[in-house]
Amino acid sequence: MALAEQVVWRSPAGKVIACVEKNKVLQENLAEIRQVCQDALEDAVLMGCDEQQFRQVLAGLVAQLKNPYPPRE
């Protein structure tokens, strides 16, 4: 996943997340999410769904994700 390899993760304060293990977990999570989304897109298209509608639904799903942790101060 070329794009994910280029991500420089930052804290809410803008500081770079430099921990190797944290970066590894974040990269692995992105790779897994990408593969699940790719598989779901392929299934939807093969079953006759409109690709753009599927992408919109997926974007809406991401937009509705809730952060269960209160902001740190």
PDB file of N, CA and C in Angstrom:
ATOM      1  N   MET A   1       0.850  -1.182   0.000  1.00  0.00           N
ATOM      2  CA  MET A   1       0.000   0.000   0.000  1.00  0.00           C
ATOM      3  C   MET A   1       0.892   1.239   0.000  1.00  0.00           C
ATOM      4  N   ALA A   2       1.152   1.791  -1.134  1.00  0.00           N
ATOM      5  CA  ALA A   2       2.104   2.883  -1.275  1.00  0.00           C
ATOM      6  C   ALA A   2       1.695   4.125  -0.505  1.00  0.00           C
ATOM      7  N   LEU A   3       0.409   4.482  -0.546  1.00  0.00           N
ATOM      8  CA  LEU A   3      -0.035   5.687   0.137  1.00  0.00           C
ATOM      9  C   LEU A   3       0.182   5.593   1.638  1.00  0.00           C
ATOM     10  N   ALA A   4      -0.154   4.452   2.225  1.00  0.00           N
ATOM     11  CA  ALA A   4      -0.015   4.289   3.667  1.00  0.00           C
ATOM     12  C   ALA A   4       1.442   4.352   4.097  1.00  0.00           C
ATOM     13  N   GLU A   5       2.349   3.890   3.249  1.00  0.00           N
ATOM     14  CA  GLU A   5       3.761   3.934   3.580  1.00  0.00           C
ATOM     15  C   GLU A   5       4.262   5.366   3.670  1.00  0.00           C
ATOM     16  N   GLN A   6       3.568   6.289   3.062  1.00  0.00           N
ATOM     17  CA  GLN A   6       3.989   7.682   3.044  1.00  0.00           C
ATOM     18  C   GLN A   6       3.351   8.501   4.160  1.00  0.00           C
ATOM     19  N   VAL A   7       2.427   7.908   4.903  1.00  0.00           N
ATOM     20  CA  VAL A   7       1.726   8.652   5.941  1.00  0.00           C
ATOM     21  C   VAL A   7       2.666   8.949   7.096  1.00  0.00           C
ATOM     22  N   VAL A   8       2.704  10.211   7.481  1.00  0.00           N
ATOM     23  CA  VAL A   8       3.411  10.608   8.692  1.00  0.00           C
ATOM     24  C   VAL A   8       2.326  10.864   9.720  1.00  0.00           C
ATOM     25  N   TRP A   9       2.193   9.948  10.673  1.00  0.00           N
ATOM     26  CA  TRP A   9       1.135  10.054  11.673  1.00  0.00           C
ATOM     27  C   TRP A   9       1.479  11.138  12.673  1.00  0.00           C
ATOM     28  N   ARG A  10       0.466  11.899  13.055  1.00  0.00           N
ATOM     29  CA  ARG A  10       0.660  13.009  13.981  1.00  0.00           C
ATOM     30  C   ARG A  10      -0.365  12.952  15.112  1.00  0.00           C
ATOM     31  N   SER A  11       0.028  13.503  16.235  1.00  0.00           N
ATOM     32  CA  SER A  11      -0.879  13.626  17.372  1.00  0.00           C
ATOM     33  C   SER A  11      -1.808  14.803  17.111  1.00  0.00           C
ATOM     34  N   PRO A  12      -2.874  14.957  17.918  1.00  0.00           N
ATOM     35  CA  PRO A  12      -3.751  16.118  17.739  1.00  0.00           C
ATOM     36  C   PRO A  12      -3.002  17.454  17.872  1.00  0.00           C
ATOM     37  N   ALA A  13      -1.899  17.442  18.607  1.00  0.00           N
ATOM     38  CA  ALA A  13      -1.091  18.658  18.763  1.00  0.00           C
ATOM     39  C   ALA A  13      -0.132  18.866  17.595  1.00  0.00           C
ATOM     40  N   GLY A  14      -0.095  17.919  16.663  1.00  0.00           N
ATOM     41  CA  GLY A  14       0.760  18.057  15.491  1.00  0.00           C
ATOM     42  C   GLY A  14       2.116  17.392  15.609  1.00  0.00           C
ATOM     43  N   LYS A  15       2.406  16.755  16.742  1.00  0.00           N
ATOM     44  CA  LYS A  15       3.701  16.094  16.920  1.00  0.00           C
ATOM     45  C   LYS A  15       3.711  14.769  16.167  1.00  0.00           C
ATOM     46  N   VAL A  16       4.845  14.461  15.573  1.00  0.00           N
ATOM     47  CA  VAL A  16       4.992  13.216  14.822  1.00  0.00           C
ATOM     48  C   VAL A  16       4.961  12.038  15.791  1.00  0.00           C
ATOM     49  N   ILE A  17       4.207  11.006  15.411  1.00  0.00           N
ATOM     50  CA  ILE A  17       4.188   9.761  16.177  1.00  0.00           C
ATOM     51  C   ILE A  17       5.414   8.971  15.719  1.00  0.00           C
ATOM     52  N   ALA A  18       6.430   8.920  16.573  1.00  0.00           N
ATOM     53  CA  ALA A  18       7.702   8.337  16.180  1.00  0.00           C
ATOM     54  C   ALA A  18       7.874   6.884  16.619  1.00  0.00           C
ATOM     55  N   CYS A  19       6.993   6.379  17.450  1.00  0.00           N
ATOM     56  CA  CYS A  19       7.104   5.014  17.958  1.00  0.00           C
ATOM     57  C   CYS A  19       6.960   4.008  16.812  1.00  0.00           C
ATOM     58  N   VAL A  20       7.970   3.174  16.639  1.00  0.00           N
ATOM     59  CA  VAL A  20       7.981   2.201  15.553  1.00  0.00           C
ATOM     60  C   VAL A  20       6.797   1.243  15.660  1.00  0.00           C
ATOM     61  N   GLU A  21       6.517   0.752  16.855  1.00  0.00           N
ATOM     62  CA  GLU A  21       5.413  -0.200  17.028  1.00  0.00           C
ATOM     63  C   GLU A  21       4.056   0.438  16.733  1.00  0.00           C
ATOM     64  N   LYS A  22       3.846   1.677  17.166  1.00  0.00           N
ATOM     65  CA  LYS A  22       2.586   2.367  16.875  1.00  0.00           C
ATOM     66  C   LYS A  22       2.410   2.528  15.376  1.00  0.00           C
ATOM     67  N   ASN A  23       3.478   2.931  14.695  1.00  0.00           N
ATOM     68  CA  ASN A  23       3.417   3.109  13.246  1.00  0.00           C
ATOM     69  C   ASN A  23       3.159   1.780  12.546  1.00  0.00           C
ATOM     70  N   LYS A  24       3.755   0.715  13.047  1.00  0.00           N
ATOM     71  CA  LYS A  24       3.538  -0.605  12.465  1.00  0.00           C
ATOM     72  C   LYS A  24       2.069  -1.014  12.585  1.00  0.00           C
ATOM     73  N   VAL A  25       1.479  -0.826  13.770  1.00  0.00           N
ATOM     74  CA  VAL A  25       0.072  -1.169  13.983  1.00  0.00           C
ATOM     75  C   VAL A  25      -0.825  -0.339  13.072  1.00  0.00           C
ATOM     76  N   LEU A  26      -0.567   0.961  12.968  1.00  0.00           N
ATOM     77  CA  LEU A  26      -1.376   1.828  12.115  1.00  0.00           C
ATOM     78  C   LEU A  26      -1.288   1.399  10.653  1.00  0.00           C
ATOM     79  N   GLN A  27      -0.087   1.050  10.196  1.00  0.00           N
ATOM     80  CA  GLN A  27       0.085   0.608   8.803  1.00  0.00           C
ATOM     81  C   GLN A  27      -0.627  -0.713   8.556  1.00  0.00           C
ATOM     82  N   GLU A  28      -0.519  -1.636   9.510  1.00  0.00           N
ATOM     83  CA  GLU A  28      -1.204  -2.921   9.362  1.00  0.00           C
ATOM     84  C   GLU A  28      -2.722  -2.725   9.347  1.00  0.00           C
ATOM     85  N   ASN A  29      -3.225  -1.845  10.209  1.00  0.00           N
ATOM     86  CA  ASN A  29      -4.666  -1.565  10.227  1.00  0.00           C
ATOM     87  C   ASN A  29      -5.129  -1.023   8.883  1.00  0.00           C
ATOM     88  N   LEU A  30      -4.374  -0.085   8.324  1.00  0.00           N
ATOM     89  CA  LEU A  30      -4.749   0.482   7.025  1.00  0.00           C
ATOM     90  C   LEU A  30      -4.751  -0.576   5.927  1.00  0.00           C
ATOM     91  N   ALA A  31      -3.753  -1.451   5.952  1.00  0.00           N
ATOM     92  CA  ALA A  31      -3.683  -2.508   4.942  1.00  0.00           C
ATOM     93  C   ALA A  31      -4.898  -3.428   5.049  1.00  0.00           C
ATOM     94  N   GLU A  32      -5.277  -3.780   6.267  1.00  0.00           N
ATOM     95  CA  GLU A  32      -6.449  -4.639   6.469  1.00  0.00           C
ATOM     96  C   GLU A  32      -7.727  -3.941   6.019  1.00  0.00           C
ATOM     97  N   ILE A  33      -7.880  -2.676   6.384  1.00  0.00           N
ATOM     98  CA  ILE A  33      -9.069  -1.909   5.993  1.00  0.00           C
ATOM     99  C   ILE A  33      -9.146  -1.810   4.471  1.00  0.00           C
ATOM    100  N   ARG A  34      -8.021  -1.527   3.850  1.00  0.00           N
ATOM    101  CA  ARG A  34      -7.991  -1.414   2.391  1.00  0.00           C
ATOM    102  C   ARG A  34      -8.447  -2.714   1.741  1.00  0.00           C
ATOM    103  N   GLN A  35      -7.956  -3.846   2.231  1.00  0.00           N
ATOM    104  CA  GLN A  35      -8.309  -5.131   1.631  1.00  0.00           C
ATOM    105  C   GLN A  35      -9.787  -5.457   1.828  1.00  0.00           C
ATOM    106  N   VAL A  36     -10.319  -5.196   3.017  1.00  0.00           N
ATOM    107  CA  VAL A  36     -11.744  -5.447   3.260  1.00  0.00           C
ATOM    108  C   VAL A  36     -12.598  -4.561   2.351  1.00  0.00           C
ATOM    109  N   CYS A  37     -12.212  -3.296   2.229  1.00  0.00           N
ATOM    110  CA  CYS A  37     -12.962  -2.381   1.355  1.00  0.00           C
ATOM    111  C   CYS A  37     -12.871  -2.809  -0.101  1.00  0.00           C
ATOM    112  N   GLN A  38     -11.689  -3.243  -0.529  1.00  0.00           N
ATOM    113  CA  GLN A  38     -11.513  -3.706  -1.909  1.00  0.00           C
ATOM    114  C   GLN A  38     -12.393  -4.918  -2.184  1.00  0.00           C
ATOM    115  N   ASP A  39     -12.385  -5.869  -1.255  1.00  0.00           N
ATOM    116  CA  ASP A  39     -13.215  -7.068  -1.413  1.00  0.00           C
ATOM    117  C   ASP A  39     -14.698  -6.707  -1.474  1.00  0.00           C
ATOM    118  N   ALA A  40     -15.122  -5.796  -0.604  1.00  0.00           N
ATOM    119  CA  ALA A  40     -16.534  -5.390  -0.575  1.00  0.00           C
ATOM    120  C   ALA A  40     -16.922  -4.663  -1.863  1.00  0.00           C
ATOM    121  N   LEU A  41     -16.031  -3.821  -2.374  1.00  0.00           N
ATOM    122  CA  LEU A  41     -16.302  -3.124  -3.634  1.00  0.00           C
ATOM    123  C   LEU A  41     -16.458  -4.127  -4.770  1.00  0.00           C
ATOM    124  N   GLU A  42     -15.550  -5.082  -4.829  1.00  0.00           N
ATOM    125  CA  GLU A  42     -15.628  -6.084  -5.886  1.00  0.00           C
ATOM    126  C   GLU A  42     -16.929  -6.883  -5.780  1.00  0.00           C
ATOM    127  N   ASP A  43     -17.312  -7.272  -4.566  1.00  0.00           N
ATOM    128  CA  ASP A  43     -18.576  -7.995  -4.380  1.00  0.00           C
ATOM    129  C   ASP A  43     -19.750  -7.156  -4.862  1.00  0.00           C
ATOM    130  N   ALA A  44     -19.770  -5.893  -4.472  1.00  0.00           N
ATOM    131  CA  ALA A  44     -20.884  -5.016  -4.842  1.00  0.00           C
ATOM    132  C   ALA A  44     -20.997  -4.879  -6.358  1.00  0.00           C
ATOM    133  N   VAL A  45     -19.869  -4.652  -7.015  1.00  0.00           N
ATOM    134  CA  VAL A  45     -19.881  -4.485  -8.470  1.00  0.00           C
ATOM    135  C   VAL A  45     -20.300  -5.787  -9.155  1.00  0.00           C
ATOM    136  N   LEU A  46     -19.788  -6.912  -8.672  1.00  0.00           N
ATOM    137  CA  LEU A  46     -20.156  -8.201  -9.266  1.00  0.00           C
ATOM    138  C   LEU A  46     -21.638  -8.510  -9.097  1.00  0.00           C
ATOM    139  N   MET A  47     -22.251  -7.974  -8.024  1.00  0.00           N
ATOM    140  CA  MET A  47     -23.675  -8.205  -7.788  1.00  0.00           C
ATOM    141  C   MET A  47     -24.548  -7.152  -8.455  1.00  0.00           C
ATOM    142  N   GLY A  48     -23.916  -6.265  -9.253  1.00  0.00           N
ATOM    143  CA  GLY A  48     -24.670  -5.312 -10.043  1.00  0.00           C
ATOM    144  C   GLY A  48     -24.887  -3.954  -9.410  1.00  0.00           C
ATOM    145  N   CYS A  49     -24.237  -3.686  -8.293  1.00  0.00           N
ATOM    146  CA  CYS A  49     -24.400  -2.375  -7.646  1.00  0.00           C
ATOM    147  C   CYS A  49     -23.598  -1.308  -8.389  1.00  0.00           C
ATOM    148  N   ASP A  50     -24.046  -0.078  -8.262  1.00  0.00           N
ATOM    149  CA  ASP A  50     -23.340   1.056  -8.837  1.00  0.00           C
ATOM    150  C   ASP A  50     -22.088   1.342  -8.006  1.00  0.00           C
ATOM    151  N   GLU A  51     -20.943   1.386  -8.677  1.00  0.00           N
ATOM    152  CA  GLU A  51     -19.671   1.611  -7.986  1.00  0.00           C
ATOM    153  C   GLU A  51     -19.648   2.934  -7.224  1.00  0.00           C
ATOM    154  N   GLN A  52     -20.138   3.995  -7.848  1.00  0.00           N
ATOM    155  CA  GLN A  52     -20.106   5.302  -7.184  1.00  0.00           C
ATOM    156  C   GLN A  52     -21.008   5.327  -5.949  1.00  0.00           C
ATOM    157  N   GLN A  53     -22.157   4.675  -6.041  1.00  0.00           N
ATOM    158  CA  GLN A  53     -23.031   4.609  -4.868  1.00  0.00           C
ATOM    159  C   GLN A  53     -22.333   3.858  -3.741  1.00  0.00           C
ATOM    160  N   PHE A  54     -21.674   2.754  -4.066  1.00  0.00           N
ATOM    161  CA  PHE A  54     -20.963   1.994  -3.040  1.00  0.00           C
ATOM    162  C   PHE A  54     -19.898   2.865  -2.383  1.00  0.00           C
ATOM    163  N   ARG A  55     -19.141   3.602  -3.194  1.00  0.00           N
ATOM    164  CA  ARG A  55     -18.097   4.473  -2.650  1.00  0.00           C
ATOM    165  C   ARG A  55     -18.703   5.551  -1.735  1.00  0.00           C
ATOM    166  N   GLN A  56     -19.852   6.087  -2.115  1.00  0.00           N
ATOM    167  CA  GLN A  56     -20.517   7.091  -1.281  1.00  0.00           C
ATOM    168  C   GLN A  56     -20.969   6.495   0.046  1.00  0.00           C
ATOM    169  N   VAL A  57     -21.519   5.291  -0.009  1.00  0.00           N
ATOM    170  CA  VAL A  57     -21.953   4.625   1.226  1.00  0.00           C
ATOM    171  C   VAL A  57     -20.753   4.359   2.123  1.00  0.00           C
ATOM    172  N   LEU A  58     -19.662   3.911   1.539  1.00  0.00           N
ATOM    173  CA  LEU A  58     -18.448   3.649   2.308  1.00  0.00           C
ATOM    174  C   LEU A  58     -17.901   4.936   2.934  1.00  0.00           C
ATOM    175  N   ALA A  59     -17.891   6.012   2.175  1.00  0.00           N
ATOM    176  CA  ALA A  59     -17.429   7.300   2.708  1.00  0.00           C
ATOM    177  C   ALA A  59     -18.333   7.766   3.845  1.00  0.00           C
ATOM    178  N   GLY A  60     -19.632   7.552   3.692  1.00  0.00           N
ATOM    179  CA  GLY A  60     -20.567   7.913   4.755  1.00  0.00           C
ATOM    180  C   GLY A  60     -20.331   7.106   6.014  1.00  0.00           C
ATOM    181  N   LEU A  61     -20.021   5.828   5.829  1.00  0.00           N
ATOM    182  CA  LEU A  61     -19.722   4.976   6.974  1.00  0.00           C
ATOM    183  C   LEU A  61     -18.509   5.508   7.738  1.00  0.00           C
ATOM    184  N   VAL A  62     -17.471   5.865   7.017  1.00  0.00           N
ATOM    185  CA  VAL A  62     -16.267   6.407   7.649  1.00  0.00           C
ATOM    186  C   VAL A  62     -16.589   7.730   8.353  1.00  0.00           C
ATOM    187  N   ALA A  63     -17.389   8.561   7.729  1.00  0.00           N
ATOM    188  CA  ALA A  63     -17.740   9.861   8.324  1.00  0.00           C
ATOM    189  C   ALA A  63     -18.528   9.697   9.622  1.00  0.00           C
ATOM    190  N   GLN A  64     -19.220   8.575   9.781  1.00  0.00           N
ATOM    191  CA  GLN A  64     -20.039   8.351  10.977  1.00  0.00           C
ATOM    192  C   GLN A  64     -19.294   7.651  12.113  1.00  0.00           C
ATOM    193  N   LEU A  65     -18.044   7.293  11.905  1.00  0.00           N
ATOM    194  CA  LEU A  65     -17.286   6.643  12.978  1.00  0.00           C
ATOM    195  C   LEU A  65     -17.201   7.571  14.183  1.00  0.00           C
ATOM    196  N   LYS A  66     -17.350   6.993  15.370  1.00  0.00           N
ATOM    197  CA  LYS A  66     -17.327   7.769  16.610  1.00  0.00           C
ATOM    198  C   LYS A  66     -16.029   7.509  17.360  1.00  0.00           C
ATOM    199  N   ASN A  67     -15.441   8.554  17.899  1.00  0.00           N
ATOM    200  CA  ASN A  67     -14.271   8.438  18.755  1.00  0.00           C
ATOM    201  C   ASN A  67     -14.760   8.215  20.188  1.00  0.00           C
ATOM    202  N   PRO A  68     -14.517   7.031  20.770  1.00  0.00           N
ATOM    203  CA  PRO A  68     -15.028   6.748  22.110  1.00  0.00           C
ATOM    204  C   PRO A  68     -14.147   7.333  23.223  1.00  0.00           C
ATOM    205  N   TYR A  69     -13.048   7.957  22.861  1.00  0.00           N
ATOM    206  CA  TYR A  69     -12.132   8.465  23.875  1.00  0.00           C
ATOM    207  C   TYR A  69     -12.211   9.984  23.962  1.00  0.00           C
ATOM    208  N   PRO A  70     -12.339  10.505  25.182  1.00  0.00           N
ATOM    209  CA  PRO A  70     -12.401  11.971  25.322  1.00  0.00           C
ATOM    210  C   PRO A  70     -11.043  12.588  24.967  1.00  0.00           C
ATOM    211  N   PRO A  71     -11.061  13.808  24.461  1.00  0.00           N
ATOM    212  CA  PRO A  71      -9.784  14.470  24.097  1.00  0.00           C
ATOM    213  C   PRO A  71      -8.896  14.624  25.334  1.00  0.00           C
ATOM    214  N   ARG A  72      -7.613  14.425  25.094  1.00  0.00           N
ATOM    215  CA  ARG A  72      -6.623  14.611  26.169  1.00  0.00           C
ATOM    216  C   ARG A  72      -6.220  16.070  26.239  1.00  0.00           C
ATOM    217  N   GLU A  73      -5.957  16.517  27.423  1.00  0.00           N
ATOM    218  CA  GLU A  73      -5.522  17.909  27.568  1.00  0.00           C
ATOM    219  C   GLU A  73      -4.175  17.981  28.203  1.00  0.00           C
TER     220      GLU A  73
END
